[in-house]
Amino acid sequence: DEIPAEGRGHLIAGIDWGGGGVARTVIVIGFMRPDFSFQICHMDRFPGREEPDRILSEVTERCRRFQVCCIAADGGGNGHVYNRLLLERVDQQVPFVAILYSASDHAPAKDGALIRWTVNRSATIGGLFTRVKKRLLVFPRVEDVSSYLDEFACEVAEYDDQQRAIKYTHPETQQDDALHATNYALWAGFRRHQQRSD
């Protein structure tokens, strides 16, 4: 019921893996609409102290229930392990993109059954906020996702004199996991859109 007809069969899951402490695992499910806006249909989070096997089971269940056609997840930190464990549990035909943040972009490359893609962290987050301002990132109803929106609003843009670039940070007391899960889904959506256009 959460999924518009135009999104069925085109859903992408973005996952930011937690790993104990305050970091939580967040899954965002959405799709690229024909007008090139990305519509978020579902957001879910799991406590950082949750048993890893339980988190993998919950994330697997969401991917299956929404019949995602692509998964894009954090490729660093716990993603090194969790991505491969999740891949064993979901349909092997579903493309799985492990996204790594860096100061520069690199073309997607095969890494076994995964696709490893290094993207510019600041540029992609900046692109996400530009899409929010232009209303090209569509959120579910505020009453359904209000607690997730704080994870976008806490992000601060700072100019780094040394790098001569904008960098995005957040206070240590606040979470931004939903922002990253959304960013992964969004960039996988761009990639799929481009592949369908070629």
N, C-alpha and C. Protein backbone atom coordinates (compact mmCIF):
# COMPACT_ATOMS: atom_id res chain seq x y z
N ASP A 1 0.82 -1.21 0.00
CA ASP A 1 0.00 0.00 0.00
C ASP A 1 0.85 1.26 0.00
N GLU A 2 2.09 1.17 0.49
CA GLU A 2 2.96 2.35 0.55
C GLU A 2 3.55 2.70 -0.81
N ILE A 3 3.45 1.79 -1.76
CA ILE A 3 4.17 1.95 -3.03
C ILE A 3 3.23 2.37 -4.15
N PRO A 4 3.48 3.54 -4.78
CA PRO A 4 2.69 3.93 -5.95
C PRO A 4 2.90 2.91 -7.07
N ALA A 5 1.92 2.78 -7.92
CA ALA A 5 2.00 1.79 -9.01
C ALA A 5 3.24 2.00 -9.86
N GLU A 6 3.62 3.26 -10.12
CA GLU A 6 4.77 3.54 -10.99
C GLU A 6 6.10 3.07 -10.36
N GLY A 7 6.11 2.86 -9.04
CA GLY A 7 7.33 2.45 -8.36
C GLY A 7 7.50 0.95 -8.25
N ARG A 8 6.43 0.21 -8.44
CA ARG A 8 6.50 -1.24 -8.28
C ARG A 8 7.41 -1.85 -9.35
N GLY A 9 8.33 -2.66 -8.90
CA GLY A 9 9.30 -3.26 -9.81
C GLY A 9 10.54 -2.40 -10.01
N HIS A 10 10.56 -1.19 -9.41
CA HIS A 10 11.70 -0.28 -9.59
C HIS A 10 12.28 0.19 -8.27
N LEU A 11 11.96 -0.49 -7.19
CA LEU A 11 12.37 -0.04 -5.86
C LEU A 11 13.83 -0.34 -5.57
N ILE A 12 14.48 0.62 -4.92
CA ILE A 12 15.89 0.51 -4.55
C ILE A 12 15.98 0.62 -3.04
N ALA A 13 16.78 -0.24 -2.43
CA ALA A 13 17.03 -0.17 -0.99
C ALA A 13 18.38 0.47 -0.76
N GLY A 14 18.41 1.52 0.07
CA GLY A 14 19.65 2.13 0.52
C GLY A 14 19.86 1.76 1.97
N ILE A 15 21.05 1.29 2.32
CA ILE A 15 21.31 0.81 3.68
C ILE A 15 22.56 1.47 4.24
N ASP A 16 22.41 2.07 5.41
CA ASP A 16 23.57 2.55 6.16
C ASP A 16 23.70 1.64 7.38
N TRP A 17 24.77 0.86 7.40
CA TRP A 17 24.95 -0.11 8.48
C TRP A 17 25.42 0.56 9.75
N GLY A 18 24.81 0.17 10.87
CA GLY A 18 25.27 0.61 12.19
C GLY A 18 26.38 -0.31 12.63
N GLY A 19 26.67 -0.28 13.90
CA GLY A 19 27.72 -1.17 14.36
C GLY A 19 28.00 -1.03 15.84
N GLY A 20 26.96 -1.04 16.61
CA GLY A 20 27.15 -0.89 18.05
C GLY A 20 27.20 0.56 18.45
N GLY A 21 27.19 0.81 19.73
CA GLY A 21 27.21 2.19 20.22
C GLY A 21 25.96 2.93 19.78
N VAL A 22 26.15 4.16 19.30
CA VAL A 22 25.01 4.99 18.91
C VAL A 22 24.63 4.82 17.44
N ALA A 23 25.55 4.30 16.62
CA ALA A 23 25.27 4.14 15.19
C ALA A 23 24.20 3.07 14.98
N ARG A 24 23.18 3.43 14.21
CA ARG A 24 22.08 2.50 13.94
C ARG A 24 22.09 2.10 12.47
N THR A 25 21.48 0.98 12.18
CA THR A 25 21.28 0.58 10.80
C THR A 25 19.97 1.19 10.32
N VAL A 26 20.02 1.84 9.16
CA VAL A 26 18.82 2.44 8.57
C VAL A 26 18.67 1.92 7.15
N ILE A 27 17.43 1.56 6.79
CA ILE A 27 17.12 1.17 5.41
C ILE A 27 16.09 2.15 4.86
N VAL A 28 16.36 2.64 3.66
CA VAL A 28 15.46 3.56 2.96
C VAL A 28 15.11 2.90 1.63
N ILE A 29 13.82 2.86 1.31
CA ILE A 29 13.37 2.23 0.06
C ILE A 29 12.63 3.27 -0.76
N GLY A 30 13.03 3.40 -2.02
CA GLY A 30 12.41 4.39 -2.90
C GLY A 30 12.68 4.07 -4.36
N PHE A 31 12.26 4.98 -5.23
CA PHE A 31 12.44 4.77 -6.67
C PHE A 31 12.56 6.10 -7.40
N MET A 32 13.18 6.07 -8.58
CA MET A 32 13.32 7.24 -9.43
C MET A 32 12.06 7.35 -10.29
N ARG A 33 11.35 8.44 -10.14
CA ARG A 33 10.12 8.65 -10.89
C ARG A 33 10.44 9.11 -12.32
N PRO A 34 9.46 9.00 -13.23
CA PRO A 34 9.71 9.43 -14.60
C PRO A 34 10.13 10.90 -14.72
N ASP A 35 9.72 11.75 -13.75
CA ASP A 35 10.12 13.17 -13.79
C ASP A 35 11.51 13.39 -13.18
N PHE A 36 12.24 12.30 -12.91
CA PHE A 36 13.61 12.30 -12.39
C PHE A 36 13.68 12.77 -10.94
N SER A 37 12.56 12.73 -10.22
CA SER A 37 12.61 12.96 -8.78
C SER A 37 12.67 11.58 -8.12
N PHE A 38 13.30 11.53 -6.96
CA PHE A 38 13.44 10.27 -6.24
C PHE A 38 12.42 10.25 -5.12
N GLN A 39 11.54 9.26 -5.13
CA GLN A 39 10.48 9.18 -4.13
C GLN A 39 10.82 8.12 -3.09
N ILE A 40 10.89 8.56 -1.83
CA ILE A 40 11.11 7.65 -0.72
C ILE A 40 9.76 7.09 -0.30
N CYS A 41 9.66 5.77 -0.22
CA CYS A 41 8.41 5.11 0.13
C CYS A 41 8.42 4.54 1.55
N HIS A 42 9.59 4.19 2.05
CA HIS A 42 9.66 3.52 3.34
C HIS A 42 11.01 3.79 4.00
N MET A 43 10.99 4.02 5.31
CA MET A 43 12.22 4.19 6.09
C MET A 43 12.08 3.35 7.36
N ASP A 44 13.18 2.71 7.74
CA ASP A 44 13.15 1.89 8.94
C ASP A 44 14.53 1.94 9.57
N ARG A 45 14.58 1.85 10.92
CA ARG A 45 15.87 1.85 11.62
C ARG A 45 15.89 0.76 12.67
N PHE A 46 17.11 0.33 12.98
CA PHE A 46 17.32 -0.74 13.95
C PHE A 46 18.38 -0.29 14.94
N PRO A 47 18.17 -0.48 16.23
CA PRO A 47 19.12 -0.01 17.25
C PRO A 47 20.53 -0.54 17.02
N GLY A 48 21.51 0.29 17.36
CA GLY A 48 22.92 -0.09 17.18
C GLY A 48 23.33 -1.28 18.01
N ARG A 49 22.66 -1.52 19.11
CA ARG A 49 23.04 -2.63 19.98
C ARG A 49 22.29 -3.92 19.66
N GLU A 50 21.52 -3.90 18.59
CA GLU A 50 20.76 -5.09 18.18
C GLU A 50 21.73 -6.18 17.72
N GLU A 51 21.36 -7.41 17.93
CA GLU A 51 22.16 -8.57 17.50
C GLU A 51 22.34 -8.51 15.97
N PRO A 52 23.58 -8.61 15.46
CA PRO A 52 23.82 -8.49 14.01
C PRO A 52 22.97 -9.44 13.16
N ASP A 53 22.78 -10.69 13.61
CA ASP A 53 21.99 -11.63 12.82
C ASP A 53 20.53 -11.18 12.72
N ARG A 54 20.03 -10.58 13.78
CA ARG A 54 18.65 -10.07 13.76
C ARG A 54 18.53 -8.90 12.78
N ILE A 55 19.51 -8.00 12.78
CA ILE A 55 19.49 -6.87 11.84
C ILE A 55 19.51 -7.38 10.41
N LEU A 56 20.39 -8.34 10.12
CA LEU A 56 20.44 -8.91 8.77
C LEU A 56 19.11 -9.55 8.39
N SER A 57 18.46 -10.24 9.32
CA SER A 57 17.16 -10.85 9.05
C SER A 57 16.10 -9.80 8.75
N GLU A 58 16.10 -8.71 9.53
CA GLU A 58 15.12 -7.64 9.34
C GLU A 58 15.34 -6.93 8.00
N VAL A 59 16.59 -6.64 7.67
CA VAL A 59 16.89 -5.97 6.40
C VAL A 59 16.54 -6.88 5.23
N THR A 60 16.86 -8.16 5.35
CA THR A 60 16.51 -9.14 4.30
C THR A 60 15.00 -9.17 4.10
N GLU A 61 14.26 -9.17 5.21
CA GLU A 61 12.79 -9.21 5.13
C GLU A 61 12.26 -8.00 4.40
N ARG A 62 12.81 -6.79 4.68
CA ARG A 62 12.35 -5.57 3.99
C ARG A 62 12.65 -5.64 2.50
N CYS A 63 13.83 -6.12 2.15
CA CYS A 63 14.20 -6.23 0.73
C CYS A 63 13.27 -7.18 -0.01
N ARG A 64 12.93 -8.28 0.63
CA ARG A 64 12.03 -9.26 0.01
C ARG A 64 10.60 -8.73 -0.06
N ARG A 65 10.12 -8.14 1.05
CA ARG A 65 8.74 -7.66 1.10
C ARG A 65 8.49 -6.59 0.02
N PHE A 66 9.45 -5.69 -0.15
CA PHE A 66 9.28 -4.62 -1.14
C PHE A 66 9.77 -5.02 -2.52
N GLN A 67 10.30 -6.23 -2.65
CA GLN A 67 10.77 -6.76 -3.93
C GLN A 67 11.71 -5.77 -4.64
N VAL A 68 12.75 -5.36 -3.91
CA VAL A 68 13.67 -4.36 -4.46
C VAL A 68 14.40 -4.91 -5.67
N CYS A 69 14.69 -4.02 -6.61
CA CYS A 69 15.40 -4.42 -7.83
C CYS A 69 16.87 -4.08 -7.75
N CYS A 70 17.28 -3.39 -6.68
CA CYS A 70 18.69 -3.02 -6.49
C CYS A 70 18.90 -2.69 -5.02
N ILE A 71 20.09 -3.01 -4.53
CA ILE A 71 20.48 -2.67 -3.17
C ILE A 71 21.76 -1.85 -3.25
N ALA A 72 21.78 -0.73 -2.51
CA ALA A 72 22.98 0.11 -2.42
C ALA A 72 23.27 0.31 -0.94
N ALA A 73 24.45 -0.09 -0.50
CA ALA A 73 24.75 -0.04 0.92
C ALA A 73 26.14 0.53 1.17
N ASP A 74 26.33 0.99 2.38
CA ASP A 74 27.62 1.48 2.85
C ASP A 74 28.66 0.40 2.60
N GLY A 75 29.71 0.74 1.85
CA GLY A 75 30.73 -0.24 1.52
C GLY A 75 31.91 -0.26 2.48
N GLY A 76 31.95 0.70 3.42
CA GLY A 76 33.05 0.75 4.38
C GLY A 76 32.62 0.21 5.73
N GLY A 77 33.54 0.22 6.68
CA GLY A 77 33.21 -0.22 8.05
C GLY A 77 32.57 -1.59 8.08
N ASN A 78 31.41 -1.67 8.75
CA ASN A 78 30.70 -2.95 8.85
C ASN A 78 30.18 -3.45 7.52
N GLY A 79 30.08 -2.56 6.54
CA GLY A 79 29.62 -2.97 5.21
C GLY A 79 30.51 -4.03 4.57
N HIS A 80 31.81 -4.02 4.93
CA HIS A 80 32.72 -5.04 4.39
C HIS A 80 32.21 -6.45 4.69
N VAL A 81 31.60 -6.62 5.85
CA VAL A 81 31.10 -7.93 6.26
C VAL A 81 29.61 -8.06 5.96
N TYR A 82 28.82 -7.07 6.40
CA TYR A 82 27.36 -7.17 6.28
C TYR A 82 26.87 -7.25 4.83
N ASN A 83 27.53 -6.56 3.91
CA ASN A 83 27.07 -6.60 2.52
C ASN A 83 27.13 -8.01 1.95
N ARG A 84 28.19 -8.71 2.22
CA ARG A 84 28.32 -10.07 1.69
C ARG A 84 27.36 -11.04 2.39
N LEU A 85 27.15 -10.81 3.70
CA LEU A 85 26.19 -11.65 4.42
C LEU A 85 24.77 -11.41 3.91
N LEU A 86 24.42 -10.14 3.63
CA LEU A 86 23.10 -9.84 3.09
C LEU A 86 22.95 -10.42 1.69
N LEU A 87 23.99 -10.32 0.89
CA LEU A 87 23.95 -10.86 -0.47
C LEU A 87 23.63 -12.35 -0.48
N GLU A 88 24.11 -13.09 0.52
CA GLU A 88 23.82 -14.53 0.61
C GLU A 88 22.35 -14.79 0.90
N ARG A 89 21.66 -13.80 1.51
CA ARG A 89 20.28 -14.00 1.94
C ARG A 89 19.23 -13.50 0.94
N VAL A 90 19.63 -12.61 0.05
CA VAL A 90 18.66 -12.06 -0.91
C VAL A 90 18.86 -12.70 -2.27
N ASP A 91 17.95 -12.38 -3.18
CA ASP A 91 18.02 -12.90 -4.54
C ASP A 91 19.35 -12.48 -5.19
N GLN A 92 20.14 -13.44 -5.59
CA GLN A 92 21.45 -13.17 -6.18
C GLN A 92 21.37 -12.40 -7.49
N GLN A 93 20.18 -12.33 -8.09
CA GLN A 93 20.01 -11.60 -9.34
C GLN A 93 19.86 -10.09 -9.12
N VAL A 94 19.62 -9.69 -7.89
CA VAL A 94 19.45 -8.27 -7.58
C VAL A 94 20.83 -7.61 -7.53
N PRO A 95 21.07 -6.58 -8.36
CA PRO A 95 22.36 -5.89 -8.31
C PRO A 95 22.60 -5.31 -6.91
N PHE A 96 23.83 -5.45 -6.42
CA PHE A 96 24.18 -5.00 -5.07
C PHE A 96 25.40 -4.08 -5.20
N VAL A 97 25.20 -2.80 -4.88
CA VAL A 97 26.24 -1.80 -5.01
C VAL A 97 26.76 -1.42 -3.63
N ALA A 98 28.05 -1.62 -3.40
CA ALA A 98 28.70 -1.21 -2.15
C ALA A 98 29.31 0.17 -2.41
N ILE A 99 28.78 1.20 -1.75
CA ILE A 99 29.22 2.57 -2.00
C ILE A 99 30.22 3.00 -0.93
N LEU A 100 31.35 3.51 -1.40
CA LEU A 100 32.40 4.02 -0.52
C LEU A 100 32.50 5.53 -0.72
N TYR A 101 32.56 6.26 0.38
CA TYR A 101 32.77 7.70 0.31
C TYR A 101 34.26 8.00 0.19
N SER A 102 34.58 9.03 -0.60
CA SER A 102 35.96 9.45 -0.78
C SER A 102 35.94 10.94 -1.14
N ALA A 103 37.11 11.48 -1.43
CA ALA A 103 37.19 12.88 -1.87
C ALA A 103 37.08 12.97 -3.38
N SER A 104 37.02 11.82 -4.06
CA SER A 104 36.90 11.82 -5.52
C SER A 104 36.04 10.64 -5.97
N ASP A 105 35.62 10.71 -7.23
CA ASP A 105 34.77 9.65 -7.79
C ASP A 105 35.62 8.64 -8.56
N HIS A 106 35.15 7.39 -8.55
CA HIS A 106 35.75 6.34 -9.37
C HIS A 106 34.62 5.54 -9.98
N ALA A 107 34.80 5.08 -11.19
CA ALA A 107 33.75 4.33 -11.87
C ALA A 107 33.42 3.05 -11.10
N PRO A 108 32.16 2.63 -11.14
CA PRO A 108 31.78 1.37 -10.50
C PRO A 108 32.61 0.20 -11.08
N ALA A 109 32.99 -0.73 -10.22
CA ALA A 109 33.79 -1.88 -10.65
C ALA A 109 33.30 -3.13 -9.96
N LYS A 110 33.36 -4.25 -10.65
CA LYS A 110 32.96 -5.53 -10.06
C LYS A 110 33.92 -5.91 -8.94
N ASP A 111 33.34 -6.43 -7.86
CA ASP A 111 34.11 -6.94 -6.73
C ASP A 111 33.44 -8.23 -6.31
N GLY A 112 33.72 -9.30 -7.03
CA GLY A 112 33.00 -10.56 -6.83
C GLY A 112 31.56 -10.37 -7.27
N ALA A 113 30.63 -10.70 -6.39
CA ALA A 113 29.21 -10.56 -6.71
C ALA A 113 28.71 -9.14 -6.48
N LEU A 114 29.54 -8.30 -5.81
CA LEU A 114 29.16 -6.92 -5.55
C LEU A 114 29.68 -5.99 -6.64
N ILE A 115 29.12 -4.80 -6.70
CA ILE A 115 29.65 -3.72 -7.51
C ILE A 115 30.18 -2.69 -6.52
N ARG A 116 31.45 -2.38 -6.58
CA ARG A 116 32.05 -1.40 -5.67
C ARG A 116 32.11 -0.06 -6.39
N TRP A 117 31.58 0.99 -5.72
CA TRP A 117 31.51 2.31 -6.34
C TRP A 117 31.97 3.35 -5.34
N THR A 118 33.02 4.07 -5.68
CA THR A 118 33.54 5.14 -4.83
C THR A 118 33.01 6.47 -5.35
N VAL A 119 32.36 7.22 -4.45
CA VAL A 119 31.77 8.51 -4.83
C VAL A 119 32.30 9.60 -3.91
N ASN A 120 32.27 10.82 -4.41
CA ASN A 120 32.70 11.98 -3.64
C ASN A 120 31.66 12.27 -2.56
N ARG A 121 32.06 12.12 -1.30
CA ARG A 121 31.13 12.26 -0.18
C ARG A 121 30.44 13.62 -0.18
N SER A 122 31.24 14.70 -0.21
CA SER A 122 30.66 16.04 -0.13
C SER A 122 29.79 16.36 -1.34
N ALA A 123 30.24 15.96 -2.52
CA ALA A 123 29.47 16.25 -3.74
C ALA A 123 28.14 15.52 -3.74
N THR A 124 28.13 14.26 -3.30
CA THR A 124 26.86 13.51 -3.32
C THR A 124 25.90 14.03 -2.26
N ILE A 125 26.40 14.36 -1.07
CA ILE A 125 25.53 14.92 -0.03
C ILE A 125 25.02 16.29 -0.47
N GLY A 126 25.90 17.09 -1.07
CA GLY A 126 25.47 18.38 -1.60
C GLY A 126 24.39 18.22 -2.66
N GLY A 127 24.54 17.20 -3.52
CA GLY A 127 23.53 16.90 -4.53
C GLY A 127 22.20 16.50 -3.91
N LEU A 128 22.27 15.74 -2.83
CA LEU A 128 21.04 15.34 -2.13
C LEU A 128 20.31 16.58 -1.60
N PHE A 129 21.04 17.50 -0.97
CA PHE A 129 20.39 18.70 -0.44
C PHE A 129 19.87 19.61 -1.55
N THR A 130 20.55 19.65 -2.68
CA THR A 130 20.05 20.41 -3.82
C THR A 130 18.72 19.84 -4.29
N ARG A 131 18.62 18.51 -4.33
CA ARG A 131 17.37 17.86 -4.73
C ARG A 131 16.26 18.15 -3.72
N VAL A 132 16.59 18.21 -2.43
CA VAL A 132 15.58 18.55 -1.42
C VAL A 132 15.05 19.96 -1.70
N LYS A 133 15.96 20.92 -1.92
CA LYS A 133 15.56 22.31 -2.17
C LYS A 133 14.71 22.44 -3.43
N LYS A 134 15.02 21.64 -4.45
CA LYS A 134 14.28 21.70 -5.71
C LYS A 134 13.06 20.79 -5.72
N ARG A 135 12.79 20.15 -4.59
CA ARG A 135 11.67 19.22 -4.44
C ARG A 135 11.77 18.04 -5.40
N LEU A 136 13.00 17.60 -5.61
CA LEU A 136 13.25 16.42 -6.43
C LEU A 136 13.58 15.21 -5.58
N LEU A 137 13.43 15.36 -4.26
CA LEU A 137 13.53 14.25 -3.32
C LEU A 137 12.22 14.28 -2.55
N VAL A 138 11.39 13.27 -2.75
CA VAL A 138 10.03 13.26 -2.22
C VAL A 138 9.98 12.32 -1.01
N PHE A 139 9.60 12.88 0.14
CA PHE A 139 9.51 12.11 1.37
C PHE A 139 8.08 11.62 1.60
N PRO A 140 7.91 10.57 2.39
CA PRO A 140 6.57 10.16 2.82
C PRO A 140 5.96 11.26 3.70
N ARG A 141 4.76 11.02 4.18
CA ARG A 141 4.08 12.00 5.04
C ARG A 141 4.93 12.31 6.27
N VAL A 142 4.93 13.57 6.67
CA VAL A 142 5.75 14.00 7.81
C VAL A 142 5.44 13.18 9.05
N GLU A 143 4.17 12.89 9.30
CA GLU A 143 3.82 12.13 10.50
C GLU A 143 4.41 10.72 10.50
N ASP A 144 4.74 10.20 9.32
CA ASP A 144 5.33 8.86 9.22
C ASP A 144 6.85 8.86 9.38
N VAL A 145 7.50 9.99 9.05
CA VAL A 145 8.97 10.01 9.03
C VAL A 145 9.59 11.18 9.80
N SER A 146 8.82 11.84 10.64
CA SER A 146 9.34 13.06 11.29
C SER A 146 10.63 12.80 12.07
N SER A 147 10.75 11.67 12.75
CA SER A 147 11.96 11.41 13.53
C SER A 147 13.18 11.20 12.63
N TYR A 148 12.97 10.81 11.38
CA TYR A 148 14.08 10.63 10.44
C TYR A 148 14.57 11.97 9.89
N LEU A 149 13.69 12.95 9.81
CA LEU A 149 14.04 14.23 9.20
C LEU A 149 15.11 14.97 10.01
N ASP A 150 15.16 14.72 11.31
CA ASP A 150 16.20 15.32 12.14
C ASP A 150 17.59 14.87 11.69
N GLU A 151 17.67 13.69 11.09
CA GLU A 151 18.94 13.15 10.64
C GLU A 151 19.42 13.81 9.34
N PHE A 152 18.56 14.60 8.72
CA PHE A 152 18.93 15.43 7.58
C PHE A 152 19.24 16.85 8.06
N ALA A 153 18.39 17.35 8.95
CA ALA A 153 18.50 18.74 9.41
C ALA A 153 19.74 18.99 10.27
N CYS A 154 20.32 17.94 10.85
CA CYS A 154 21.49 18.13 11.73
C CYS A 154 22.78 18.34 10.94
N GLU A 155 22.76 18.05 9.63
CA GLU A 155 23.97 18.14 8.82
C GLU A 155 24.35 19.61 8.60
N VAL A 156 25.64 19.91 8.73
CA VAL A 156 26.13 21.28 8.60
C VAL A 156 27.17 21.32 7.48
N ALA A 157 27.05 22.32 6.61
CA ALA A 157 28.04 22.51 5.54
C ALA A 157 29.11 23.47 6.05
N GLU A 158 30.36 23.05 5.97
CA GLU A 158 31.49 23.89 6.40
C GLU A 158 32.49 23.99 5.26
N TYR A 159 33.07 25.18 5.10
CA TYR A 159 34.09 25.34 4.08
C TYR A 159 35.44 24.91 4.66
N ASP A 160 36.12 24.01 3.98
CA ASP A 160 37.42 23.52 4.39
C ASP A 160 38.47 24.30 3.60
N ASP A 161 39.18 25.23 4.27
CA ASP A 161 40.19 26.07 3.59
C ASP A 161 41.30 25.23 2.98
N GLN A 162 41.70 24.18 3.69
CA GLN A 162 42.80 23.35 3.22
C GLN A 162 42.44 22.63 1.92
N GLN A 163 41.24 22.06 1.86
CA GLN A 163 40.80 21.33 0.68
C GLN A 163 40.13 22.24 -0.36
N ARG A 164 39.81 23.47 0.08
CA ARG A 164 39.08 24.42 -0.77
C ARG A 164 37.78 23.83 -1.28
N ALA A 165 37.04 23.26 -0.34
CA ALA A 165 35.78 22.60 -0.70
C ALA A 165 34.85 22.60 0.51
N ILE A 166 33.58 22.40 0.22
CA ILE A 166 32.57 22.25 1.27
C ILE A 166 32.65 20.83 1.80
N LYS A 167 32.57 20.68 3.10
CA LYS A 167 32.45 19.34 3.68
C LYS A 167 31.24 19.35 4.61
N TYR A 168 30.62 18.19 4.74
CA TYR A 168 29.42 18.05 5.55
C TYR A 168 29.75 17.29 6.82
N THR A 169 29.31 17.85 7.94
CA THR A 169 29.53 17.22 9.23
C THR A 169 28.23 17.28 10.03
N HIS A 170 28.23 16.61 11.16
CA HIS A 170 27.07 16.68 12.06
C HIS A 170 27.58 16.61 13.49
N PRO A 171 26.84 17.18 14.43
CA PRO A 171 27.26 17.09 15.83
C PRO A 171 27.34 15.63 16.27
N GLU A 172 28.32 15.32 17.11
CA GLU A 172 28.49 13.95 17.58
C GLU A 172 27.29 13.45 18.37
N THR A 173 26.50 14.38 18.89
CA THR A 173 25.33 14.00 19.70
C THR A 173 24.12 13.66 18.85
N GLN A 174 24.21 13.86 17.52
CA GLN A 174 23.07 13.59 16.65
C GLN A 174 23.42 12.56 15.59
N GLN A 175 22.40 11.85 15.13
CA GLN A 175 22.56 10.81 14.11
C GLN A 175 22.31 11.37 12.72
N ASP A 176 22.98 10.82 11.72
CA ASP A 176 22.67 11.18 10.33
C ASP A 176 22.59 9.93 9.45
N ASP A 177 22.26 8.80 10.07
CA ASP A 177 22.22 7.52 9.35
C ASP A 177 21.17 7.51 8.24
N ALA A 178 20.01 8.13 8.48
CA ALA A 178 18.95 8.15 7.46
C ALA A 178 19.39 8.94 6.24
N LEU A 179 20.16 10.00 6.45
CA LEU A 179 20.68 10.79 5.33
C LEU A 179 21.55 9.91 4.44
N HIS A 180 22.45 9.15 5.05
CA HIS A 180 23.37 8.32 4.25
C HIS A 180 22.63 7.18 3.54
N ALA A 181 21.69 6.54 4.22
CA ALA A 181 20.92 5.47 3.57
C ALA A 181 20.16 6.04 2.37
N THR A 182 19.62 7.25 2.52
CA THR A 182 18.91 7.91 1.41
C THR A 182 19.89 8.24 0.29
N ASN A 183 21.07 8.72 0.65
CA ASN A 183 22.07 9.08 -0.35
C ASN A 183 22.48 7.86 -1.18
N TYR A 184 22.67 6.72 -0.53
CA TYR A 184 23.04 5.51 -1.26
C TYR A 184 21.93 5.10 -2.23
N ALA A 185 20.68 5.13 -1.76
CA ALA A 185 19.55 4.77 -2.63
C ALA A 185 19.44 5.74 -3.80
N LEU A 186 19.60 7.03 -3.52
CA LEU A 186 19.49 8.06 -4.56
C LEU A 186 20.53 7.85 -5.65
N TRP A 187 21.80 7.62 -5.27
CA TRP A 187 22.85 7.48 -6.29
C TRP A 187 22.72 6.17 -7.06
N ALA A 188 22.23 5.14 -6.42
CA ALA A 188 21.93 3.91 -7.17
C ALA A 188 20.78 4.17 -8.13
N GLY A 189 19.82 5.01 -7.72
CA GLY A 189 18.72 5.39 -8.61
C GLY A 189 19.21 6.14 -9.83
N PHE A 190 20.16 7.06 -9.63
CA PHE A 190 20.77 7.77 -10.77
C PHE A 190 21.42 6.78 -11.72
N ARG A 191 22.18 5.85 -11.15
CA ARG A 191 22.90 4.88 -11.97
C ARG A 191 21.94 4.01 -12.78
N ARG A 192 20.88 3.53 -12.15
CA ARG A 192 19.90 2.70 -12.86
C ARG A 192 19.19 3.51 -13.94
N HIS A 193 18.86 4.75 -13.63
CA HIS A 193 18.19 5.62 -14.61
C HIS A 193 19.09 5.81 -15.83
N GLN A 194 20.38 6.04 -15.59
CA GLN A 194 21.33 6.23 -16.68
C GLN A 194 21.47 4.97 -17.51
N GLN A 195 21.53 3.81 -16.85
CA GLN A 195 21.65 2.54 -17.56
C GLN A 195 20.43 2.28 -18.44
N ARG A 196 19.23 2.63 -17.94
CA ARG A 196 18.02 2.41 -18.74
C ARG A 196 17.96 3.37 -19.92
N SER A 197 18.58 4.56 -19.79
CA SER A 197 18.57 5.56 -20.86
C SER A 197 19.56 5.23 -21.97
N ASP A 198 20.64 4.50 -21.60
CA ASP A 198 21.70 4.17 -22.59
C ASP A 198 21.25 3.18 -23.63
